[in-house]
Amino acid sequence: MANWLTIKQLSEKRDIAESTLRNWINLGYITSSTIDNVIMLDDDSLISYLDTHQTKGLNKESLEKLIKEKKMECEIILSHLDDELFLLKTQSLHQPLFHIIVQELGQLITNDTQREIFLAISTGEPISRVAVRQNMTYQETMEAYSNILKKLSENTERIATYRNRTMASLFGKYNTDNPTNIPIRRLFNERACNVLHKLEIATVRELLQFTYQYGWGRLKRLEGLGKTTYNEILNALYNANFIVFCEDKSIALSPEIAAFVL
């Protein structure tokens, strides 16, 4: 029968570091179970593991088991390294997105000093430099940053509230939870609507899905939709915050709208 103890209890009982026990859990060396959101360890399985690895002159069966465990341990370590390497390789690709998210989160911090610490460290500035600028020790700066992250995590509803306020500011006049559902006749002139209706496009969502699938160039080449009308459609979508114009002159969905369409 299993003898369940918490990680802390087992650490104190067997004088083994909690970090070591956690590693052995991940490697499957000792039996664990989650009870009421608390990780519990089987003391008997730990004793069995220790007996196997502390006995001198291992027999063939024990030695084979030890070799198998070491191979598994190497595979897990290599897997973790592969994950970290992948994250490092993709970090530069996603860095602009991370910066946007960080800036958005920074708007939720009302204290100027805390906001500056959060933005600086989250965007990659060395902690030591931030500490000097804030006249704080390195340790104080790390603790301040950790506390800021903790507060943000404890108040995730503020993120949703901030997004709701943004959506209300941009699209509140349409009086709908999903602004892409509004009819195109509320944005475009009769000529544009007649052409789009031939393709069974009646809402902004259907239009954006069409351009996402076929590209904006296909829309531009529709019969009956001249250059002037095409530009009027783009300007109407831009002014209504549905699309943005990129530096390379390409067209992209606004961040608030992309989640509704893609």
Protein backbone atom coordinates (compact mmCIF):
# COMPACT_ATOMS: atom_id res chain seq x y z
CA MET A 1 0.00 0.00 0.00
CA ALA A 2 1.35 3.42 -0.96
CA ASN A 3 2.64 5.73 1.76
CA TRP A 4 1.81 9.20 0.44
CA LEU A 5 3.71 12.29 1.57
CA THR A 6 4.10 15.78 0.15
CA ILE A 7 7.37 16.74 -1.51
CA LYS A 8 8.31 18.86 1.50
CA GLN A 9 7.46 16.11 3.98
CA LEU A 10 9.41 13.49 2.06
CA SER A 11 12.33 15.89 1.62
CA GLU A 12 12.55 16.45 5.36
CA LYS A 13 12.03 12.77 6.19
CA ARG A 14 14.71 11.44 3.82
CA ASP A 15 16.99 14.50 3.83
CA ILE A 16 16.79 14.82 0.04
CA ALA A 17 16.48 18.19 -1.67
CA GLU A 18 13.01 19.01 -3.01
CA SER A 19 14.51 19.85 -6.41
CA THR A 20 16.04 16.35 -6.57
CA LEU A 21 12.69 14.77 -5.75
CA ARG A 22 11.00 16.82 -8.47
CA ASN A 23 13.58 15.63 -11.00
CA TRP A 24 13.02 12.02 -9.96
CA ILE A 25 9.25 12.55 -10.41
CA ASN A 26 9.79 13.83 -13.97
CA LEU A 27 12.07 10.92 -14.74
CA GLY A 28 9.58 8.41 -13.37
CA TYR A 29 11.93 7.07 -10.70
CA ILE A 30 9.37 7.47 -7.90
CA THR A 31 5.58 7.18 -7.91
CA SER A 32 3.59 10.40 -7.64
CA SER A 33 -0.02 11.47 -7.70
CA THR A 34 -1.88 14.77 -7.54
CA ILE A 35 -4.43 14.91 -4.73
CA ASP A 36 -6.49 18.10 -4.30
CA ASN A 37 -3.96 19.95 -6.49
CA VAL A 38 -1.08 18.83 -4.24
CA ILE A 39 1.67 16.58 -5.59
CA MET A 40 2.04 13.54 -3.35
CA LEU A 41 4.91 11.04 -3.46
CA ASP A 42 4.98 7.38 -2.50
CA ASP A 43 7.63 6.92 0.19
CA ASP A 44 7.80 3.17 -0.49
CA SER A 45 8.70 3.73 -4.14
CA LEU A 46 11.46 6.13 -3.05
CA ILE A 47 12.86 3.52 -0.66
CA SER A 48 12.84 0.96 -3.45
CA TYR A 49 14.63 3.34 -5.78
CA LEU A 50 17.26 4.22 -3.18
CA ASP A 51 17.81 0.56 -2.28
CA THR A 52 18.49 -0.24 -5.92
CA HIS A 53 20.97 2.58 -6.40
CA GLN A 54 22.75 2.39 -3.07
CA THR A 55 23.42 -1.36 -3.03
CA LYS A 56 26.99 -2.28 -3.83
CA GLY A 57 27.68 -4.97 -6.36
CA LEU A 58 24.52 -4.62 -8.42
CA ASN A 59 23.25 -7.81 -9.95
CA LYS A 60 22.68 -8.07 -13.67
CA GLU A 61 18.97 -7.22 -13.45
CA SER A 62 19.57 -4.13 -11.30
CA LEU A 63 22.43 -2.99 -13.52
CA GLU A 64 20.29 -3.31 -16.66
CA LYS A 65 17.55 -1.33 -14.93
CA LEU A 66 20.04 1.37 -13.98
CA ILE A 67 21.35 1.59 -17.54
CA LYS A 68 17.80 1.86 -18.86
CA GLU A 69 17.01 4.65 -16.40
CA LYS A 70 20.16 6.58 -17.39
CA LYS A 71 19.25 6.28 -21.06
CA MET A 72 15.79 7.61 -20.32
CA GLU A 73 17.31 10.42 -18.26
CA CYS A 74 19.56 11.39 -21.18
CA GLU A 75 16.60 11.37 -23.58
CA ILE A 76 14.58 13.65 -21.30
CA ILE A 77 17.51 16.05 -20.85
CA LEU A 78 18.10 16.13 -24.62
CA SER A 79 14.38 16.72 -25.19
CA HIS A 80 14.45 19.70 -22.82
CA LEU A 81 17.51 21.06 -24.62
CA ASP A 82 15.76 20.68 -27.98
CA ASP A 83 12.79 22.63 -26.62
CA GLU A 84 15.03 25.41 -25.32
CA LEU A 85 16.97 25.53 -28.59
CA PHE A 86 13.72 25.83 -30.54
CA LEU A 87 12.58 28.69 -28.32
CA LEU A 88 15.91 30.46 -28.80
CA LYS A 89 15.68 30.08 -32.57
CA THR A 90 12.13 31.43 -32.72
CA GLN A 91 12.60 34.20 -30.16
CA SER A 92 13.82 36.73 -32.70
CA LEU A 93 10.93 35.86 -35.01
CA HIS A 94 8.32 36.47 -32.33
CA GLN A 95 10.11 39.36 -30.60
CA PRO A 96 7.95 42.08 -32.24
CA LEU A 97 4.81 40.27 -31.07
CA PHE A 98 6.20 39.89 -27.54
CA HIS A 99 6.95 43.62 -27.42
CA ILE A 100 3.37 44.46 -28.41
CA ILE A 101 1.99 42.15 -25.71
CA VAL A 102 4.37 43.60 -23.12
CA GLN A 103 3.36 47.16 -24.02
CA GLU A 104 -0.31 46.20 -23.69
CA LEU A 105 0.28 44.64 -20.26
CA GLY A 106 2.27 47.68 -19.21
CA GLN A 107 -0.85 49.81 -19.62
CA LEU A 108 -2.41 47.88 -16.72
CA ILE A 109 0.31 49.02 -14.29
CA THR A 110 -0.63 52.36 -12.74
CA ASN A 111 2.61 52.95 -10.79
CA ASP A 112 5.12 54.70 -13.07
CA THR A 113 8.20 53.11 -11.48
CA GLN A 114 6.74 49.61 -11.56
CA ARG A 115 5.65 50.09 -15.16
CA GLU A 116 9.14 51.21 -16.17
CA ILE A 117 10.74 48.22 -14.43
CA PHE A 118 8.28 45.82 -16.07
CA LEU A 119 8.66 47.24 -19.58
CA ALA A 120 12.46 47.48 -19.38
CA ILE A 121 13.13 43.95 -18.10
CA SER A 122 10.39 42.32 -20.18
CA THR A 123 11.83 43.80 -23.37
CA GLY A 124 15.33 42.51 -22.62
CA GLU A 125 17.17 45.31 -20.82
CA PRO A 126 19.76 43.92 -18.33
CA ILE A 127 18.45 43.85 -14.77
CA SER A 128 21.67 45.43 -13.50
CA ARG A 129 21.14 48.49 -15.70
CA VAL A 130 17.52 48.84 -14.59
CA ALA A 131 18.64 48.56 -10.95
CA VAL A 132 21.14 51.40 -11.34
CA ARG A 133 18.59 53.64 -13.04
CA GLN A 134 16.03 53.01 -10.29
CA ASN A 135 18.64 53.37 -7.53
CA MET A 136 17.90 49.83 -6.36
CA THR A 137 20.01 46.74 -5.67
CA TYR A 138 20.00 43.88 -8.13
CA GLN A 139 18.05 41.72 -5.67
CA GLU A 140 15.49 44.47 -4.99
CA THR A 141 14.92 44.89 -8.72
CA MET A 142 14.37 41.17 -9.25
CA GLU A 143 11.94 41.03 -6.32
CA ALA A 144 10.07 44.07 -7.64
CA TYR A 145 9.78 42.50 -11.10
CA SER A 146 8.58 39.18 -9.62
CA ASN A 147 5.95 41.00 -7.57
CA ILE A 148 4.74 42.87 -10.64
CA LEU A 149 4.34 39.61 -12.56
CA LYS A 150 2.52 38.07 -9.61
CA LYS A 151 0.06 40.97 -9.42
CA LEU A 152 -0.60 40.79 -13.17
CA SER A 153 -1.24 37.04 -12.88
CA GLU A 154 -3.62 37.56 -9.97
CA ASN A 155 -5.66 40.14 -11.89
CA THR A 156 -6.11 38.54 -15.29
CA GLU A 157 -9.64 39.92 -15.45
CA ARG A 158 -8.09 43.37 -15.90
CA ILE A 159 -6.61 42.17 -19.18
CA ALA A 160 -10.06 41.10 -20.37
CA THR A 161 -11.52 44.38 -19.09
CA TYR A 162 -8.86 46.37 -20.95
CA ARG A 163 -9.61 44.46 -24.17
CA ASN A 164 -13.34 45.02 -23.71
CA ARG A 165 -12.76 48.75 -23.30
CA THR A 166 -10.63 48.78 -26.43
CA MET A 167 -13.24 46.87 -28.42
CA ALA A 168 -15.98 49.16 -27.15
CA SER A 169 -13.94 52.22 -28.12
CA LEU A 170 -13.22 50.93 -31.63
CA PHE A 171 -16.44 49.12 -32.50
CA GLY A 172 -19.02 50.10 -29.86
CA LYS A 173 -21.05 52.09 -32.37
CA TYR A 174 -21.98 48.88 -34.19
CA ASN A 175 -23.73 47.52 -31.06
CA THR A 176 -22.59 43.92 -31.55
CA ASP A 177 -20.29 41.48 -29.76
CA ASN A 178 -18.68 40.58 -33.09
CA PRO A 179 -18.13 43.63 -35.30
CA THR A 180 -17.31 41.43 -38.31
CA ASN A 181 -20.97 40.42 -38.44
CA ILE A 182 -22.13 43.87 -39.51
CA PRO A 183 -23.60 44.07 -43.05
CA ILE A 184 -21.33 45.52 -45.72
CA ARG A 185 -24.07 47.99 -46.65
CA ARG A 186 -23.25 49.88 -43.44
CA LEU A 187 -19.73 50.57 -44.74
CA PHE A 188 -19.76 50.57 -48.54
CA ASN A 189 -21.66 52.30 -51.28
CA GLU A 190 -24.36 50.61 -53.34
CA ARG A 191 -22.06 49.82 -56.27
CA ALA A 192 -19.58 47.94 -54.07
CA CYS A 193 -22.36 46.06 -52.27
CA ASN A 194 -23.95 44.94 -55.56
CA VAL A 195 -20.65 43.47 -56.79
CA LEU A 196 -19.93 41.71 -53.48
CA HIS A 197 -23.47 40.34 -53.20
CA LYS A 198 -22.90 38.44 -56.46
CA LEU A 199 -20.27 36.45 -54.53
CA GLU A 200 -22.72 35.98 -51.66
CA ILE A 201 -20.66 38.34 -49.51
CA ALA A 202 -23.08 40.14 -47.21
CA THR A 203 -21.02 40.80 -44.05
CA VAL A 204 -17.60 42.17 -43.24
CA ARG A 205 -16.60 38.73 -41.94
CA GLU A 206 -17.42 37.07 -45.28
CA LEU A 207 -15.45 39.75 -47.10
CA LEU A 208 -12.39 39.37 -44.88
CA GLN A 209 -12.54 35.59 -45.18
CA PHE A 210 -12.66 35.95 -48.96
CA THR A 211 -9.60 38.21 -49.03
CA TYR A 212 -7.79 35.94 -46.55
CA GLN A 213 -8.36 32.96 -48.85
CA TYR A 214 -7.80 34.58 -52.25
CA GLY A 215 -5.87 37.75 -51.46
CA TRP A 216 -6.76 41.40 -51.88
CA GLY A 217 -5.62 41.29 -55.49
CA ARG A 218 -8.50 38.95 -56.36
CA LEU A 219 -10.95 41.44 -54.89
CA LYS A 220 -9.40 44.20 -56.96
CA ARG A 221 -9.99 42.20 -60.16
CA LEU A 222 -13.69 41.52 -59.60
CA GLU A 223 -15.85 42.43 -62.59
CA GLY A 224 -17.68 45.67 -61.99
CA LEU A 225 -15.42 46.73 -59.15
CA GLY A 226 -13.24 49.51 -60.52
CA LYS A 227 -10.10 50.95 -58.97
CA THR A 228 -12.02 53.80 -57.38
CA THR A 229 -14.56 51.50 -55.72
CA TYR A 230 -11.80 49.14 -54.60
CA ASN A 231 -9.96 52.02 -52.91
CA GLU A 232 -13.22 53.17 -51.31
CA ILE A 233 -13.66 49.69 -49.79
CA LEU A 234 -10.11 49.72 -48.40
CA ASN A 235 -10.52 53.20 -46.94
CA ALA A 236 -13.84 52.27 -45.36
CA LEU A 237 -12.35 49.14 -43.73
CA TYR A 238 -9.32 51.12 -42.57
CA ASN A 239 -11.35 53.96 -41.10
CA ALA A 240 -13.57 51.42 -39.32
CA ASN A 241 -10.45 49.77 -37.76
CA PHE A 242 -10.90 46.45 -39.56
CA ILE A 243 -7.58 46.54 -41.45
CA VAL A 244 -4.19 48.23 -41.22
CA PHE A 245 -1.68 49.20 -43.90
CA CYS A 246 1.81 47.79 -43.29
CA GLU A 247 5.08 49.58 -44.06
CA ASP A 248 5.59 47.40 -47.15
CA LYS A 249 2.15 48.60 -48.37
CA SER A 250 0.56 45.20 -47.77
CA ILE A 251 -2.81 44.91 -46.03
CA ALA A 252 -3.33 43.09 -42.73
CA LEU A 253 -6.21 42.59 -40.34
CA SER A 254 -6.13 44.77 -37.26
CA PRO A 255 -5.09 42.81 -34.12
CA GLU A 256 -8.55 43.24 -32.59
CA ILE A 257 -10.27 41.77 -35.65
CA ALA A 258 -7.87 38.95 -36.54
CA ALA A 259 -9.16 36.72 -33.74
CA PHE A 260 -12.68 36.87 -35.18
CA VAL A 261 -11.66 35.94 -38.72
CA LEU A 262 -8.64 33.58 -38.62
